[in-house]
Amino acid sequence: MDRDRDGTDRLDAWLMPFLAVMRRKTLRAWAPLYLRGLLGPGDRKSFRPMAARLGLAGRDQLQHFIAKRCWLICPGVA
């Protein structure tokens, strides 16, 4: 991902307002990883290849993140 002059990731900066409305810490941690998997290199965007590219031990945590409906419903967002 592209880095700004101050060394921060552009994706992290863009995600800040969205992450701020997510109530659970675990959801705020997994959202950037999942997006990096989708936006990053690689032809296959299923859980197993994305988890391997992200250096995760397995696909279960990514899959669990997507399966949770609570990340779709954020308080204060119409």
PDB file of N, CA and C in Angstrom:
ATOM      1  N   MET A   1       0.838  -1.178   0.000  1.00  0.00           N
ATOM      2  CA  MET A   1       0.000   0.000   0.000  1.00  0.00           C
ATOM      3  C   MET A   1       0.882   1.240   0.000  1.00  0.00           C
ATOM      4  N   ASP A   2       0.325   2.318  -0.496  1.00  0.00           N
ATOM      5  CA  ASP A   2       1.071   3.570  -0.554  1.00  0.00           C
ATOM      6  C   ASP A   2       1.189   4.196   0.823  1.00  0.00           C
ATOM      7  N   ARG A   3       2.343   4.780   1.053  1.00  0.00           N
ATOM      8  CA  ARG A   3       2.584   5.457   2.320  1.00  0.00           C
ATOM      9  C   ARG A   3       2.658   6.955   2.071  1.00  0.00           C
ATOM     10  N   ASP A   4       2.127   7.724   3.023  1.00  0.00           N
ATOM     11  CA  ASP A   4       2.219   9.174   2.960  1.00  0.00           C
ATOM     12  C   ASP A   4       3.604   9.606   3.423  1.00  0.00           C
ATOM     13  N   ARG A   5       3.885  10.910   3.334  1.00  0.00           N
ATOM     14  CA  ARG A   5       5.190  11.423   3.754  1.00  0.00           C
ATOM     15  C   ARG A   5       5.500  11.125   5.217  1.00  0.00           C
ATOM     16  N   ASP A   6       4.469  11.144   6.052  1.00  0.00           N
ATOM     17  CA  ASP A   6       4.713  10.895   7.477  1.00  0.00           C
ATOM     18  C   ASP A   6       4.804   9.409   7.800  1.00  0.00           C
ATOM     19  N   GLY A   7       4.708   8.532   6.776  1.00  0.00           N
ATOM     20  CA  GLY A   7       4.886   7.103   6.973  1.00  0.00           C
ATOM     21  C   GLY A   7       3.602   6.349   7.268  1.00  0.00           C
ATOM     22  N   THR A   8       2.484   7.056   7.337  1.00  0.00           N
ATOM     23  CA  THR A   8       1.228   6.354   7.596  1.00  0.00           C
ATOM     24  C   THR A   8       0.668   5.791   6.302  1.00  0.00           C
ATOM     25  N   ASP A   9      -0.042   4.762   6.438  1.00  0.00           N
ATOM     26  CA  ASP A   9      -0.666   4.098   5.306  1.00  0.00           C
ATOM     27  C   ASP A   9      -1.900   4.887   4.890  1.00  0.00           C
ATOM     28  N   ARG A  10      -2.053   5.130   3.597  1.00  0.00           N
ATOM     29  CA  ARG A  10      -3.228   5.873   3.108  1.00  0.00           C
ATOM     30  C   ARG A  10      -4.521   5.148   3.441  1.00  0.00           C
ATOM     31  N   LEU A  11      -4.502   3.827   3.355  1.00  0.00           N
ATOM     32  CA  LEU A  11      -5.693   3.058   3.685  1.00  0.00           C
ATOM     33  C   LEU A  11      -6.078   3.271   5.146  1.00  0.00           C
ATOM     34  N   ASP A  12      -5.094   3.266   6.038  1.00  0.00           N
ATOM     35  CA  ASP A  12      -5.376   3.498   7.457  1.00  0.00           C
ATOM     36  C   ASP A  12      -6.014   4.866   7.670  1.00  0.00           C
ATOM     37  N   ALA A  13      -5.491   5.878   7.004  1.00  0.00           N
ATOM     38  CA  ALA A  13      -6.043   7.226   7.136  1.00  0.00           C
ATOM     39  C   ALA A  13      -7.466   7.287   6.590  1.00  0.00           C
ATOM     40  N   TRP A  14      -7.710   6.649   5.471  1.00  0.00           N
ATOM     41  CA  TRP A  14      -9.039   6.650   4.872  1.00  0.00           C
ATOM     42  C   TRP A  14     -10.049   5.900   5.745  1.00  0.00           C
ATOM     43  N   LEU A  15      -9.598   4.835   6.390  1.00  0.00           N
ATOM     44  CA  LEU A  15     -10.476   4.003   7.204  1.00  0.00           C
ATOM     45  C   LEU A  15     -10.834   4.601   8.563  1.00  0.00           C
ATOM     46  N   MET A  16     -10.064   5.556   9.043  1.00  0.00           N
ATOM     47  CA  MET A  16     -10.253   6.096  10.392  1.00  0.00           C
ATOM     48  C   MET A  16     -11.705   6.429  10.729  1.00  0.00           C
ATOM     49  N   PRO A  17     -12.445   7.183   9.907  1.00  0.00           N
ATOM     50  CA  PRO A  17     -13.829   7.506  10.290  1.00  0.00           C
ATOM     51  C   PRO A  17     -14.729   6.278  10.364  1.00  0.00           C
ATOM     52  N   PHE A  18     -14.473   5.290   9.529  1.00  0.00           N
ATOM     53  CA  PHE A  18     -15.281   4.075   9.539  1.00  0.00           C
ATOM     54  C   PHE A  18     -14.974   3.222  10.769  1.00  0.00           C
ATOM     55  N   LEU A  19     -13.703   3.120  11.086  1.00  0.00           N
ATOM     56  CA  LEU A  19     -13.304   2.339  12.250  1.00  0.00           C
ATOM     57  C   LEU A  19     -13.779   2.986  13.545  1.00  0.00           C
ATOM     58  N   ALA A  20     -13.878   4.297  13.545  1.00  0.00           N
ATOM     59  CA  ALA A  20     -14.294   5.017  14.748  1.00  0.00           C
ATOM     60  C   ALA A  20     -15.716   4.654  15.180  1.00  0.00           C
ATOM     61  N   VAL A  21     -16.565   4.271  14.234  1.00  0.00           N
ATOM     62  CA  VAL A  21     -17.945   3.944  14.591  1.00  0.00           C
ATOM     63  C   VAL A  21     -18.158   2.459  14.859  1.00  0.00           C
ATOM     64  N   MET A  22     -17.139   1.660  14.653  1.00  0.00           N
ATOM     65  CA  MET A  22     -17.245   0.236  14.983  1.00  0.00           C
ATOM     66  C   MET A  22     -17.048   0.078  16.478  1.00  0.00           C
ATOM     67  N   ARG A  23     -18.006  -0.574  17.125  1.00  0.00           N
ATOM     68  CA  ARG A  23     -17.991  -0.676  18.579  1.00  0.00           C
ATOM     69  C   ARG A  23     -16.964  -1.658  19.111  1.00  0.00           C
ATOM     70  N   ARG A  24     -16.695  -2.720  18.392  1.00  0.00           N
ATOM     71  CA  ARG A  24     -15.831  -3.778  18.931  1.00  0.00           C
ATOM     72  C   ARG A  24     -14.392  -3.632  18.450  1.00  0.00           C
ATOM     73  N   LYS A  25     -13.481  -3.777  19.381  1.00  0.00           N
ATOM     74  CA  LYS A  25     -12.047  -3.643  19.099  1.00  0.00           C
ATOM     75  C   LYS A  25     -11.590  -4.684  18.068  1.00  0.00           C
ATOM     76  N   THR A  26     -12.108  -5.894  18.172  1.00  0.00           N
ATOM     77  CA  THR A  26     -11.695  -6.944  17.237  1.00  0.00           C
ATOM     78  C   THR A  26     -12.130  -6.622  15.815  1.00  0.00           C
ATOM     79  N   LEU A  27     -13.300  -6.026  15.661  1.00  0.00           N
ATOM     80  CA  LEU A  27     -13.751  -5.644  14.324  1.00  0.00           C
ATOM     81  C   LEU A  27     -12.879  -4.538  13.754  1.00  0.00           C
ATOM     82  N   ARG A  28     -12.488  -3.589  14.596  1.00  0.00           N
ATOM     83  CA  ARG A  28     -11.600  -2.509  14.146  1.00  0.00           C
ATOM     84  C   ARG A  28     -10.233  -3.047  13.747  1.00  0.00           C
ATOM     85  N   ALA A  29      -9.818  -4.137  14.350  1.00  0.00           N
ATOM     86  CA  ALA A  29      -8.514  -4.728  14.015  1.00  0.00           C
ATOM     87  C   ALA A  29      -8.575  -5.528  12.713  1.00  0.00           C
ATOM     88  N   TRP A  30      -9.682  -6.243  12.468  1.00  0.00           N
ATOM     89  CA  TRP A  30      -9.768  -7.118  11.307  1.00  0.00           C
ATOM     90  C   TRP A  30     -10.198  -6.408  10.025  1.00  0.00           C
ATOM     91  N   ALA A  31     -10.915  -5.307  10.134  1.00  0.00           N
ATOM     92  CA  ALA A  31     -11.379  -4.596   8.936  1.00  0.00           C
ATOM     93  C   ALA A  31     -10.221  -4.175   8.027  1.00  0.00           C
ATOM     94  N   PRO A  32      -9.162  -3.536   8.548  1.00  0.00           N
ATOM     95  CA  PRO A  32      -8.052  -3.164   7.666  1.00  0.00           C
ATOM     96  C   PRO A  32      -7.351  -4.380   7.042  1.00  0.00           C
ATOM     97  N   LEU A  33      -7.225  -5.451   7.804  1.00  0.00           N
ATOM     98  CA  LEU A  33      -6.589  -6.654   7.256  1.00  0.00           C
ATOM     99  C   LEU A  33      -7.396  -7.221   6.091  1.00  0.00           C
ATOM    100  N   TYR A  34      -8.698  -7.308   6.286  1.00  0.00           N
ATOM    101  CA  TYR A  34      -9.553  -7.846   5.232  1.00  0.00           C
ATOM    102  C   TYR A  34      -9.492  -6.966   3.987  1.00  0.00           C
ATOM    103  N   LEU A  35      -9.530  -5.660   4.160  1.00  0.00           N
ATOM    104  CA  LEU A  35      -9.448  -4.764   3.003  1.00  0.00           C
ATOM    105  C   LEU A  35      -8.094  -4.862   2.311  1.00  0.00           C
ATOM    106  N   ARG A  36      -7.029  -5.002   3.085  1.00  0.00           N
ATOM    107  CA  ARG A  36      -5.703  -5.195   2.471  1.00  0.00           C
ATOM    108  C   ARG A  36      -5.673  -6.480   1.642  1.00  0.00           C
ATOM    109  N   GLY A  37      -6.330  -7.509   2.137  1.00  0.00           N
ATOM    110  CA  GLY A  37      -6.407  -8.753   1.383  1.00  0.00           C
ATOM    111  C   GLY A  37      -7.165  -8.590   0.078  1.00  0.00           C
ATOM    112  N   LEU A  38      -8.248  -7.829   0.117  1.00  0.00           N
ATOM    113  CA  LEU A  38      -9.036  -7.609  -1.102  1.00  0.00           C
ATOM    114  C   LEU A  38      -8.335  -6.691  -2.090  1.00  0.00           C
ATOM    115  N   LEU A  39      -7.707  -5.634  -1.590  1.00  0.00           N
ATOM    116  CA  LEU A  39      -7.100  -4.638  -2.460  1.00  0.00           C
ATOM    117  C   LEU A  39      -5.667  -4.976  -2.865  1.00  0.00           C
ATOM    118  N   GLY A  40      -5.038  -5.877  -2.151  1.00  0.00           N
ATOM    119  CA  GLY A  40      -3.643  -6.207  -2.402  1.00  0.00           C
ATOM    120  C   GLY A  40      -3.452  -7.093  -3.613  1.00  0.00           C
ATOM    121  N   PRO A  41      -2.220  -7.507  -3.837  1.00  0.00           N
ATOM    122  CA  PRO A  41      -1.914  -8.340  -4.999  1.00  0.00           C
ATOM    123  C   PRO A  41      -2.528  -9.733  -4.880  1.00  0.00           C
ATOM    124  N   GLY A  42      -2.548 -10.413  -5.985  1.00  0.00           N
ATOM    125  CA  GLY A  42      -3.065 -11.774  -6.000  1.00  0.00           C
ATOM    126  C   GLY A  42      -4.369 -11.862  -6.764  1.00  0.00           C
ATOM    127  N   ASP A  43      -4.499 -12.942  -7.492  1.00  0.00           N
ATOM    128  CA  ASP A  43      -5.703 -13.136  -8.299  1.00  0.00           C
ATOM    129  C   ASP A  43      -6.859 -13.695  -7.481  1.00  0.00           C
ATOM    130  N   ARG A  44      -6.559 -14.549  -6.532  1.00  0.00           N
ATOM    131  CA  ARG A  44      -7.615 -15.197  -5.748  1.00  0.00           C
ATOM    132  C   ARG A  44      -7.903 -14.388  -4.493  1.00  0.00           C
ATOM    133  N   LYS A  45      -9.156 -14.028  -4.321  1.00  0.00           N
ATOM    134  CA  LYS A  45      -9.557 -13.201  -3.186  1.00  0.00           C
ATOM    135  C   LYS A  45     -10.426 -13.981  -2.193  1.00  0.00           C
ATOM    136  N   SER A  46     -10.304 -15.299  -2.203  1.00  0.00           N
ATOM    137  CA  SER A  46     -11.009 -16.098  -1.209  1.00  0.00           C
ATOM    138  C   SER A  46     -10.192 -16.082   0.086  1.00  0.00           C
ATOM    139  N   PHE A  47     -10.791 -16.587   1.164  1.00  0.00           N
ATOM    140  CA  PHE A  47     -10.169 -16.460   2.482  1.00  0.00           C
ATOM    141  C   PHE A  47      -8.796 -17.108   2.594  1.00  0.00           C
ATOM    142  N   ARG A  48      -8.644 -18.308   2.106  1.00  0.00           N
ATOM    143  CA  ARG A  48      -7.383 -19.029   2.279  1.00  0.00           C
ATOM    144  C   ARG A  48      -6.203 -18.307   1.604  1.00  0.00           C
ATOM    145  N   PRO A  49      -6.302 -17.921   0.312  1.00  0.00           N
ATOM    146  CA  PRO A  49      -5.181 -17.202  -0.301  1.00  0.00           C
ATOM    147  C   PRO A  49      -4.929 -15.835   0.335  1.00  0.00           C
ATOM    148  N   MET A  50      -5.991 -15.141   0.711  1.00  0.00           N
ATOM    149  CA  MET A  50      -5.794 -13.837   1.350  1.00  0.00           C
ATOM    150  C   MET A  50      -5.090 -14.003   2.687  1.00  0.00           C
ATOM    151  N   ALA A  51      -5.498 -14.979   3.474  1.00  0.00           N
ATOM    152  CA  ALA A  51      -4.869 -15.216   4.772  1.00  0.00           C
ATOM    153  C   ALA A  51      -3.384 -15.540   4.595  1.00  0.00           C
ATOM    154  N   ALA A  52      -3.052 -16.331   3.589  1.00  0.00           N
ATOM    155  CA  ALA A  52      -1.649 -16.678   3.333  1.00  0.00           C
ATOM    156  C   ALA A  52      -0.850 -15.429   2.963  1.00  0.00           C
ATOM    157  N   ARG A  53      -1.405 -14.574   2.097  1.00  0.00           N
ATOM    158  CA  ARG A  53      -0.698 -13.345   1.697  1.00  0.00           C
ATOM    159  C   ARG A  53      -0.534 -12.380   2.863  1.00  0.00           C
ATOM    160  N   LEU A  54      -1.495 -12.385   3.790  1.00  0.00           N
ATOM    161  CA  LEU A  54      -1.421 -11.496   4.955  1.00  0.00           C
ATOM    162  C   LEU A  54      -0.549 -12.067   6.064  1.00  0.00           C
ATOM    163  N   GLY A  55      -0.094 -13.302   5.897  1.00  0.00           N
ATOM    164  CA  GLY A  55       0.768 -13.924   6.898  1.00  0.00           C
ATOM    165  C   GLY A  55       0.011 -14.467   8.097  1.00  0.00           C
ATOM    166  N   LEU A  56      -1.276 -14.764   7.915  1.00  0.00           N
ATOM    167  CA  LEU A  56      -2.088 -15.306   8.997  1.00  0.00           C
ATOM    168  C   LEU A  56      -1.947 -16.823   9.055  1.00  0.00           C
ATOM    169  N   ALA A  57      -2.157 -17.384  10.217  1.00  0.00           N
ATOM    170  CA  ALA A  57      -2.026 -18.831  10.395  1.00  0.00           C
ATOM    171  C   ALA A  57      -3.116 -19.601   9.655  1.00  0.00           C
ATOM    172  N   GLY A  58      -4.280 -19.007   9.517  1.00  0.00           N
ATOM    173  CA  GLY A  58      -5.387 -19.684   8.850  1.00  0.00           C
ATOM    174  C   GLY A  58      -6.437 -18.693   8.410  1.00  0.00           C
ATOM    175  N   ARG A  59      -7.469 -19.214   7.794  1.00  0.00           N
ATOM    176  CA  ARG A  59      -8.516 -18.349   7.251  1.00  0.00           C
ATOM    177  C   ARG A  59      -9.672 -18.137   8.206  1.00  0.00           C
ATOM    178  N   ASP A  60      -9.709 -18.878   9.293  1.00  0.00           N
ATOM    179  CA  ASP A  60     -10.868 -18.865  10.184  1.00  0.00           C
ATOM    180  C   ASP A  60     -11.210 -17.477  10.723  1.00  0.00           C
ATOM    181  N   GLN A  61     -10.211 -16.719  11.136  1.00  0.00           N
ATOM    182  CA  GLN A  61     -10.500 -15.412  11.724  1.00  0.00           C
ATOM    183  C   GLN A  61     -11.035 -14.425  10.689  1.00  0.00           C
ATOM    184  N   LEU A  62     -10.499 -14.457   9.476  1.00  0.00           N
ATOM    185  CA  LEU A  62     -11.051 -13.605   8.419  1.00  0.00           C
ATOM    186  C   LEU A  62     -12.485 -13.988   8.111  1.00  0.00           C
ATOM    187  N   GLN A  63     -12.723 -15.265   8.020  1.00  0.00           N
ATOM    188  CA  GLN A  63     -14.063 -15.745   7.713  1.00  0.00           C
ATOM    189  C   GLN A  63     -15.037 -15.381   8.841  1.00  0.00           C
ATOM    190  N   HIS A  64     -14.595 -15.480  10.065  1.00  0.00           N
ATOM    191  CA  HIS A  64     -15.428 -15.119  11.208  1.00  0.00           C
ATOM    192  C   HIS A  64     -15.759 -13.621  11.173  1.00  0.00           C
ATOM    193  N   PHE A  65     -14.774 -12.801  10.804  1.00  0.00           N
ATOM    194  CA  PHE A  65     -14.992 -11.357  10.703  1.00  0.00           C
ATOM    195  C   PHE A  65     -16.105 -11.046   9.700  1.00  0.00           C
ATOM    196  N   ILE A  66     -16.070 -11.660   8.550  1.00  0.00           N
ATOM    197  CA  ILE A  66     -17.068 -11.404   7.514  1.00  0.00           C
ATOM    198  C   ILE A  66     -18.433 -11.967   7.905  1.00  0.00           C
ATOM    199  N   ALA A  67     -18.442 -13.079   8.598  1.00  0.00           N
ATOM    200  CA  ALA A  67     -19.702 -13.714   8.966  1.00  0.00           C
ATOM    201  C   ALA A  67     -20.473 -12.929  10.030  1.00  0.00           C
ATOM    202  N   LYS A  68     -19.791 -12.085  10.780  1.00  0.00           N
ATOM    203  CA  LYS A  68     -20.467 -11.304  11.819  1.00  0.00           C
ATOM    204  C   LYS A  68     -21.258 -10.173  11.180  1.00  0.00           C
ATOM    205  N   ARG A  69     -22.530 -10.106  11.494  1.00  0.00           N
ATOM    206  CA  ARG A  69     -23.366  -9.043  10.940  1.00  0.00           C
ATOM    207  C   ARG A  69     -23.188  -7.724  11.673  1.00  0.00           C
ATOM    208  N   CYS A  70     -22.671  -7.758  12.897  1.00  0.00           N
ATOM    209  CA  CYS A  70     -22.594  -6.527  13.678  1.00  0.00           C
ATOM    210  C   CYS A  70     -21.657  -5.493  13.060  1.00  0.00           C
ATOM    211  N   TRP A  71     -20.725  -5.892  12.210  1.00  0.00           N
ATOM    212  CA  TRP A  71     -19.835  -4.901  11.609  1.00  0.00           C
ATOM    213  C   TRP A  71     -20.554  -4.088  10.539  1.00  0.00           C
ATOM    214  N   LEU A  72     -21.678  -4.602  10.055  1.00  0.00           N
ATOM    215  CA  LEU A  72     -22.455  -3.876   9.052  1.00  0.00           C
ATOM    216  C   LEU A  72     -23.314  -2.788   9.684  1.00  0.00           C
ATOM    217  N   ILE A  73     -23.641  -2.936  10.941  1.00  0.00           N
ATOM    218  CA  ILE A  73     -24.548  -2.016  11.601  1.00  0.00           C
ATOM    219  C   ILE A  73     -23.755  -1.132  12.563  1.00  0.00           C
ATOM    220  N   CYS A  74     -23.572   0.092  12.190  1.00  0.00           N
ATOM    221  CA  CYS A  74     -22.811   1.008  13.029  1.00  0.00           C
ATOM    222  C   CYS A  74     -23.739   2.075  13.583  1.00  0.00           C
ATOM    223  N   PRO A  75     -23.678   2.336  14.885  1.00  0.00           N
ATOM    224  CA  PRO A  75     -24.550   3.364  15.467  1.00  0.00           C
ATOM    225  C   PRO A  75     -24.205   4.735  14.902  1.00  0.00           C
ATOM    226  N   GLY A  76     -25.212   5.522  14.643  1.00  0.00           N
ATOM    227  CA  GLY A  76     -24.995   6.875  14.152  1.00  0.00           C
ATOM    228  C   GLY A  76     -24.765   6.968  12.669  1.00  0.00           C
ATOM    229  N   VAL A  77     -24.809   5.857  11.971  1.00  0.00           N
ATOM    230  CA  VAL A  77     -24.621   5.873  10.518  1.00  0.00           C
ATOM    231  C   VAL A  77     -25.943   5.504   9.883  1.00  0.00           C
ATOM    232  N   ALA A  78     -26.463   6.390   9.051  1.00  0.00           N
ATOM    233  CA  ALA A  78     -27.757   6.132   8.414  1.00  0.00           C
ATOM    234  C   ALA A  78     -27.612   5.205   7.242  1.00  0.00           C
TER     235      ALA A  78
END
